[in-house]
Amino acid sequence: MNRFVSVFSQLLQLFPRVEFQRAVKDHRAERHARGFTCWGQFVAMLFCQLGRAKSLREICGGLACAEGKLSHLGITAPKRTTVAYANAHRPWQLYQTLFFQLLVRCQAVAQGRRKFRFKNPLLSLDASVIDLCASVFDWATYRRTKGAVKLHLLLDHDGYLPCYAVITEGRRHEVTVARTLTFPPGTILVMDRGYMDFAWFAELTRQGVFFVTRLKANAVYAVLGTRAVPQRGPVVRDELITLTGVRTAAKCPYPLRVVEVTDPATGDPLVFLTNQLTFGPTTIARIYKDRWQIELLFKALKQHLKVKTFVGTSANALHIQLWTALIALLVLKYLQLRSTFGW
């Protein structure tokens, strides 16, 4: 007998059923299940992302059209009410566990694929607001007439994989989430000016973690010394500074570094702030330029996956769909890393 193996089935082989069932047992996700398994729910939600389904009707209808091809997956096409109830009541933490299980496999493939010569881990931190309808998602308060949640991502530049994610309410500031993260000594953390917090910068310096960010125009500091810059090139100045503001001096008493370069495309000056005192100024500029990869990650997430329209209105259903979108993004990253073609 000929065995039919679809592309979707091959993608699902990245999730071994033994590990999946162990995660289901740990989270007690099938505690009140009546026929519809967590595996069937996961297949349906992953089909929603890869098949770009806009509603529960499209998910169930699309799976029902391929009923014969679902037999080798061990599931049947579910009903709309069944999927809706499962998304509203089964723990979304199961999908978070699946995300980190797949991340381990992706990191094994991406190991050694670096763009820079230094061996320090390079991470980018950023957040993006996902708008919601305030009248439908009444629990996601953001503004008076607008609802939203905020997706915080940490990007590992080895393979450009999202290595950490957290979903909060839209009003949650980025720095409050960043303060909860811990990094091994020697890590280089890149972020934009939204994470400007000198007390947190001092804590990172004490932990041996380096940061690179943009300096605000109203920052008050004194120059301790200047370094020679190449005569030809975009580097304008390289200075060692100390903060002299009324409050900032007490928050961050460590010496910092200011590197100013000229954007070759627009000619505008770009001023960077860092506590990395040994790298060359062009390397600091290249590190911050590579931060654009996390912006491209958010762009791919919002343009190619279903994170703007949701098939459920509860907080649990929204978390499940967002985590499934991140899982689908990792699947695509894994295929890109395993490919032998020059993508």
Protein backbone atom coordinates (compact mmCIF):
# COMPACT_ATOMS: atom_id res chain seq x y z
CA MET A 1 0.00 0.00 0.00
CA ASN A 2 1.30 3.43 -0.93
CA ARG A 3 1.78 5.73 2.03
CA PHE A 4 0.87 9.36 1.50
CA VAL A 5 3.16 11.89 3.22
CA SER A 6 2.18 15.52 2.71
CA VAL A 7 4.43 18.54 3.25
CA PHE A 8 2.34 19.47 6.28
CA SER A 9 2.93 15.99 7.70
CA GLN A 10 6.68 16.37 7.22
CA LEU A 11 6.61 19.68 9.10
CA LEU A 12 4.76 18.04 11.98
CA GLN A 13 7.60 15.53 12.29
CA LEU A 14 9.55 18.34 13.99
CA PHE A 15 7.28 17.73 16.99
CA PRO A 16 7.83 14.14 18.25
CA ARG A 17 4.63 12.73 19.69
CA VAL A 18 6.42 11.36 22.76
CA GLU A 19 7.71 14.82 23.74
CA PHE A 20 4.36 16.34 22.85
CA GLN A 21 2.42 13.96 25.08
CA ARG A 22 4.90 14.52 27.90
CA ALA A 23 4.28 18.26 27.67
CA VAL A 24 0.51 17.66 27.60
CA LYS A 25 0.81 15.57 30.76
CA ASP A 26 2.98 18.16 32.52
CA HIS A 27 0.45 20.92 31.83
CA ARG A 28 -2.58 18.65 32.42
CA ALA A 29 -3.98 20.00 29.16
CA GLU A 30 -6.27 17.01 28.48
CA ARG A 31 -7.75 16.95 31.94
CA HIS A 32 -11.34 17.34 30.72
CA ALA A 33 -10.84 16.26 27.10
CA ARG A 34 -13.71 14.37 25.45
CA GLY A 35 -12.43 13.01 22.15
CA PHE A 36 -10.69 16.14 20.85
CA THR A 37 -7.01 15.75 21.75
CA CYS A 38 -4.40 18.46 22.25
CA TRP A 39 -2.59 17.09 19.20
CA GLY A 40 -5.67 17.70 17.07
CA GLN A 41 -5.95 21.22 18.46
CA PHE A 42 -2.27 21.92 17.74
CA VAL A 43 -2.57 20.62 14.16
CA ALA A 44 -5.63 22.83 13.63
CA MET A 45 -3.93 25.97 14.97
CA LEU A 46 -0.72 25.33 13.02
CA PHE A 47 -2.85 24.85 9.90
CA CYS A 48 -4.42 28.24 10.70
CA GLN A 49 -0.97 29.87 10.51
CA LEU A 50 0.53 28.06 7.54
CA GLY A 51 -2.77 27.99 5.61
CA ARG A 52 -3.55 31.65 6.46
CA ALA A 53 -7.03 30.80 7.67
CA LYS A 54 -8.98 33.84 8.85
CA SER A 55 -11.67 32.14 10.95
CA LEU A 56 -12.63 28.92 12.66
CA ARG A 57 -14.83 28.14 9.68
CA GLU A 58 -11.84 28.27 7.33
CA ILE A 59 -9.75 26.11 9.69
CA CYS A 60 -12.37 23.37 10.04
CA GLY A 61 -13.45 23.59 6.41
CA GLY A 62 -9.87 23.41 5.14
CA LEU A 63 -9.11 20.36 7.26
CA ALA A 64 -12.39 18.72 6.26
CA CYS A 65 -11.46 19.10 2.57
CA ALA A 66 -8.37 16.98 3.24
CA GLU A 67 -10.06 14.39 5.46
CA GLY A 68 -8.32 11.50 3.73
CA LYS A 69 -4.90 13.08 4.22
CA LEU A 70 -5.55 13.56 7.95
CA SER A 71 -5.84 9.86 8.66
CA HIS A 72 -2.06 9.40 8.74
CA LEU A 73 -1.88 12.22 11.31
CA GLY A 74 -4.21 10.40 13.67
CA ILE A 75 -6.86 13.14 13.72
CA THR A 76 -10.16 14.03 12.10
CA ALA A 77 -11.51 17.41 11.05
CA PRO A 78 -12.90 19.10 14.20
CA LYS A 79 -16.04 21.19 14.61
CA ARG A 80 -15.88 24.94 15.06
CA THR A 81 -17.35 24.86 18.56
CA THR A 82 -14.87 22.17 19.59
CA VAL A 83 -11.85 24.21 18.54
CA ALA A 84 -13.28 27.38 20.08
CA TYR A 85 -13.88 25.67 23.43
CA ALA A 86 -10.39 24.13 23.45
CA ASN A 87 -8.74 27.48 22.68
CA ALA A 88 -10.66 29.17 25.46
CA HIS A 89 -10.03 26.59 28.19
CA ARG A 90 -6.86 24.59 27.53
CA PRO A 91 -3.64 26.14 28.93
CA TRP A 92 -1.66 28.23 26.48
CA GLN A 93 1.52 27.33 28.39
CA LEU A 94 1.56 24.06 26.41
CA TYR A 95 2.32 26.03 23.22
CA GLN A 96 5.03 27.96 25.02
CA THR A 97 6.67 24.65 25.93
CA LEU A 98 6.43 23.47 22.31
CA PHE A 99 8.08 26.70 21.18
CA PHE A 100 11.13 26.17 23.39
CA GLN A 101 11.36 22.48 22.43
CA LEU A 102 11.54 23.45 18.76
CA LEU A 103 13.97 26.28 19.57
CA VAL A 104 16.50 23.75 20.88
CA ARG A 105 16.43 21.93 17.52
CA CYS A 106 16.81 25.18 15.59
CA GLN A 107 19.73 26.35 17.73
CA ALA A 108 21.55 23.07 17.05
CA VAL A 109 21.32 23.76 13.31
CA ALA A 110 22.16 27.47 13.62
CA GLN A 111 25.22 26.94 15.79
CA GLY A 112 28.31 28.58 14.32
CA ARG A 113 26.44 30.74 11.78
CA ARG A 114 27.77 34.10 12.88
CA LYS A 115 28.19 37.40 11.10
CA PHE A 116 30.81 38.86 13.48
CA ARG A 117 34.25 37.64 14.47
CA PHE A 118 33.87 38.13 18.22
CA LYS A 119 32.65 35.18 20.25
CA ASN A 120 30.31 37.12 22.54
CA PRO A 121 26.63 36.18 22.28
CA LEU A 122 24.75 38.93 20.44
CA LEU A 123 21.09 39.51 21.29
CA SER A 124 18.55 42.14 20.21
CA LEU A 125 15.63 43.16 22.41
CA ASP A 126 12.49 44.85 21.16
CA ALA A 127 8.70 44.89 21.52
CA SER A 128 5.78 45.44 19.15
CA VAL A 129 2.19 46.42 19.83
CA ILE A 130 -0.56 44.22 18.36
CA ASP A 131 -3.74 46.27 18.01
CA LEU A 132 -7.07 44.80 19.08
CA CYS A 133 -10.68 45.95 18.97
CA ALA A 134 -11.55 47.39 22.38
CA SER A 135 -15.22 46.38 22.14
CA VAL A 136 -14.38 42.73 21.35
CA PHE A 137 -11.24 42.28 23.44
CA ASP A 138 -12.51 44.22 26.46
CA TRP A 139 -9.86 42.67 28.73
CA ALA A 140 -6.95 44.07 26.66
CA THR A 141 -7.08 47.68 27.88
CA TYR A 142 -4.64 50.02 26.17
CA ARG A 143 -6.37 53.33 25.47
CA ARG A 144 -9.88 54.63 25.89
CA THR A 145 -11.05 53.47 22.45
CA LYS A 146 -8.31 50.99 21.61
CA GLY A 147 -7.18 47.62 22.88
CA ALA A 148 -3.79 46.01 22.41
CA VAL A 149 -1.28 43.49 23.65
CA LYS A 150 2.49 43.83 23.44
CA LEU A 151 4.81 41.11 22.17
CA HIS A 152 8.34 41.28 23.62
CA LEU A 153 10.99 39.35 21.68
CA LEU A 154 14.66 38.56 22.22
CA LEU A 155 16.51 37.74 18.99
CA ASP A 156 19.62 35.56 18.93
CA HIS A 157 21.83 36.68 16.04
CA ASP A 158 23.19 33.15 15.61
CA GLY A 159 20.71 32.15 12.93
CA TYR A 160 18.44 35.11 13.80
CA LEU A 161 16.16 32.97 15.97
CA PRO A 162 13.69 34.38 18.52
CA CYS A 163 15.04 32.85 21.74
CA TYR A 164 12.61 34.43 24.21
CA ALA A 165 9.11 35.82 23.99
CA VAL A 166 6.56 37.18 26.43
CA ILE A 167 3.09 38.60 25.82
CA THR A 168 1.86 41.38 28.09
CA GLU A 169 -0.89 43.97 28.14
CA GLY A 170 -0.40 46.92 25.81
CA ARG A 171 0.33 49.38 28.62
CA ARG A 172 3.30 47.40 29.95
CA HIS A 173 6.53 49.30 29.37
CA GLU A 174 9.42 47.57 27.64
CA VAL A 175 11.91 48.31 30.44
CA THR A 176 9.79 46.56 33.08
CA VAL A 177 9.96 43.35 31.05
CA ALA A 178 13.65 43.83 30.26
CA ARG A 179 14.49 44.08 33.97
CA THR A 180 13.12 40.56 34.51
CA LEU A 181 15.61 39.05 32.05
CA THR A 182 19.01 37.67 32.99
CA PHE A 183 21.95 37.31 30.62
CA PRO A 184 25.25 35.44 30.98
CA PRO A 185 28.37 37.61 31.40
CA GLY A 186 29.88 38.72 28.11
CA THR A 187 26.55 38.98 26.29
CA ILE A 188 26.10 41.98 23.99
CA LEU A 189 22.54 43.35 24.16
CA VAL A 190 21.29 45.69 21.43
CA MET A 191 18.14 47.82 21.81
CA ASP A 192 16.63 51.11 20.69
CA ARG A 193 16.07 54.28 22.73
CA GLY A 194 12.82 52.94 24.17
CA TYR A 195 14.92 50.96 26.68
CA MET A 196 16.83 53.98 27.97
CA ASP A 197 17.15 53.36 31.72
CA PHE A 198 20.49 54.26 33.30
CA ALA A 199 19.79 52.32 36.50
CA TRP A 200 19.26 49.18 34.40
CA PHE A 201 22.39 49.99 32.37
CA ALA A 202 24.36 50.10 35.63
CA GLU A 203 22.92 46.72 36.65
CA LEU A 204 23.94 45.22 33.30
CA THR A 205 27.45 46.62 33.73
CA ARG A 206 27.74 45.07 37.20
CA GLN A 207 26.67 41.71 35.73
CA GLY A 208 29.32 41.90 33.01
CA VAL A 209 26.74 42.36 30.22
CA PHE A 210 27.47 44.81 27.40
CA PHE A 211 24.80 46.97 25.76
CA VAL A 212 24.61 49.09 22.62
CA THR A 213 21.84 51.63 22.13
CA ARG A 214 21.11 55.09 20.72
CA LEU A 215 21.89 58.10 22.88
CA LYS A 216 19.11 60.63 23.47
CA ALA A 217 19.79 64.21 22.46
CA ASN A 218 19.06 65.59 25.96
CA ALA A 219 21.59 63.37 27.74
CA VAL A 220 23.99 65.31 30.01
CA TYR A 221 27.53 64.00 30.30
CA ALA A 222 31.17 65.04 30.59
CA VAL A 223 33.93 63.82 28.28
CA LEU A 224 36.72 61.95 30.06
CA GLY A 225 38.83 61.34 26.98
CA THR A 226 38.77 60.96 23.22
CA ARG A 227 40.03 58.19 20.99
CA ALA A 228 41.55 58.44 17.54
CA VAL A 229 39.12 57.72 14.70
CA PRO A 230 39.93 56.70 11.12
CA GLN A 231 40.49 59.65 8.82
CA ARG A 232 38.39 58.01 6.15
CA GLY A 233 35.14 56.42 7.06
CA PRO A 234 31.81 57.17 8.68
CA VAL A 235 33.15 57.51 12.27
CA VAL A 236 32.99 61.11 13.49
CA ARG A 237 33.99 60.78 17.17
CA ASP A 238 34.76 58.16 19.80
CA GLU A 239 34.67 59.43 23.39
CA LEU A 240 34.82 58.06 26.92
CA ILE A 241 32.19 59.82 29.04
CA THR A 242 30.62 59.91 32.48
CA LEU A 243 27.05 60.95 33.19
CA THR A 244 26.68 64.27 35.03
CA GLY A 245 22.91 64.66 35.25
CA VAL A 246 21.25 65.32 38.59
CA ARG A 247 19.78 61.81 38.77
CA THR A 248 21.64 59.88 36.07
CA ALA A 249 25.06 60.32 37.72
CA ALA A 250 23.88 58.46 40.82
CA LYS A 251 22.02 55.80 38.83
CA CYS A 252 24.97 54.92 36.57
CA PRO A 253 28.40 55.92 37.97
CA TYR A 254 30.31 53.74 35.49
CA PRO A 255 32.27 55.22 32.56
CA LEU A 256 30.49 54.81 29.23
CA ARG A 257 31.36 55.31 25.62
CA VAL A 258 29.84 57.49 22.89
CA VAL A 259 30.41 56.65 19.24
CA GLU A 260 29.08 58.95 16.50
CA VAL A 261 28.94 57.86 12.88
CA THR A 262 27.38 59.28 9.73
CA ASP A 263 24.65 57.32 8.01
CA PRO A 264 26.04 56.69 4.50
CA ALA A 265 22.53 56.55 3.01
CA THR A 266 21.08 59.78 4.44
CA GLY A 267 24.09 61.63 5.84
CA ASP A 268 22.40 61.97 9.25
CA PRO A 269 24.50 61.60 12.42
CA LEU A 270 23.93 58.47 14.55
CA VAL A 271 25.13 58.60 18.16
CA PHE A 272 25.52 55.30 20.01
CA LEU A 273 25.92 54.69 23.75
CA THR A 274 27.67 51.57 25.04
CA ASN A 275 29.66 50.18 27.94
CA GLN A 276 31.83 48.11 25.56
CA LEU A 277 35.19 49.92 25.72
CA THR A 278 37.39 47.60 23.64
CA PHE A 279 35.64 47.06 20.31
CA GLY A 280 36.38 49.35 17.39
CA PRO A 281 33.89 52.14 16.63
CA THR A 282 32.94 50.61 13.29
CA THR A 283 32.17 47.33 15.05
CA ILE A 284 29.84 49.15 17.46
CA ALA A 285 28.07 50.73 14.50
CA ARG A 286 27.74 47.38 12.72
CA ILE A 287 26.34 45.77 15.88
CA TYR A 288 23.57 48.35 16.10
CA LYS A 289 22.90 48.12 12.37
CA ASP A 290 22.36 44.37 12.73
CA ARG A 291 19.58 45.17 15.22
CA TRP A 292 17.40 45.76 12.16
CA GLN A 293 16.98 41.99 11.93
CA ILE A 294 14.52 42.02 14.82
CA GLU A 295 12.48 44.66 12.98
CA LEU A 296 12.43 42.34 9.96
CA LEU A 297 11.31 39.52 12.26
CA PHE A 298 8.33 41.53 13.47
CA LYS A 299 7.57 42.49 9.88
CA ALA A 300 7.58 38.84 8.76
CA LEU A 301 5.46 37.86 11.76
CA LYS A 302 2.77 40.45 11.01
CA GLN A 303 2.77 40.14 7.21
CA HIS A 304 3.00 36.38 6.72
CA LEU A 305 1.36 34.91 9.84
CA LYS A 306 -2.01 35.41 11.50
CA VAL A 307 -1.39 37.86 14.33
CA LYS A 308 -3.72 40.66 13.24
CA THR A 309 -7.01 38.77 13.03
CA PHE A 310 -7.84 36.24 15.72
CA VAL A 311 -10.12 33.21 15.80
CA GLY A 312 -10.93 33.66 19.50
CA THR A 313 -11.65 36.64 21.75
CA SER A 314 -10.51 35.33 25.14
CA ALA A 315 -7.04 36.00 26.52
CA ASN A 316 -6.24 32.28 26.48
CA ALA A 317 -7.22 31.90 22.81
CA LEU A 318 -5.15 34.95 21.84
CA HIS A 319 -2.09 33.60 23.65
CA ILE A 320 -2.48 30.24 21.89
CA GLN A 321 -2.67 31.87 18.46
CA LEU A 322 0.34 34.12 19.10
CA TRP A 323 2.48 31.27 20.40
CA THR A 324 1.43 29.14 17.42
CA ALA A 325 2.52 31.99 15.12
CA LEU A 326 5.93 32.01 16.82
CA ILE A 327 6.13 28.22 16.41
CA ALA A 328 5.30 28.55 12.70
CA LEU A 329 7.99 31.22 12.39
CA LEU A 330 10.52 28.84 13.95
CA VAL A 331 9.45 26.10 11.53
CA LEU A 332 10.17 28.40 8.59
CA LYS A 333 13.50 29.42 10.14
CA TYR A 334 14.41 25.75 10.60
CA LEU A 335 13.67 25.00 6.94
CA GLN A 336 15.75 27.99 5.90
CA LEU A 337 18.70 26.86 8.03
CA ARG A 338 18.53 23.28 6.77
CA SER A 339 18.25 24.30 3.15
CA THR A 340 21.35 23.89 1.00
CA PHE A 341 20.29 26.68 -1.34
CA GLY A 342 21.57 30.24 -1.01
CA TRP A 343 18.36 31.83 0.21
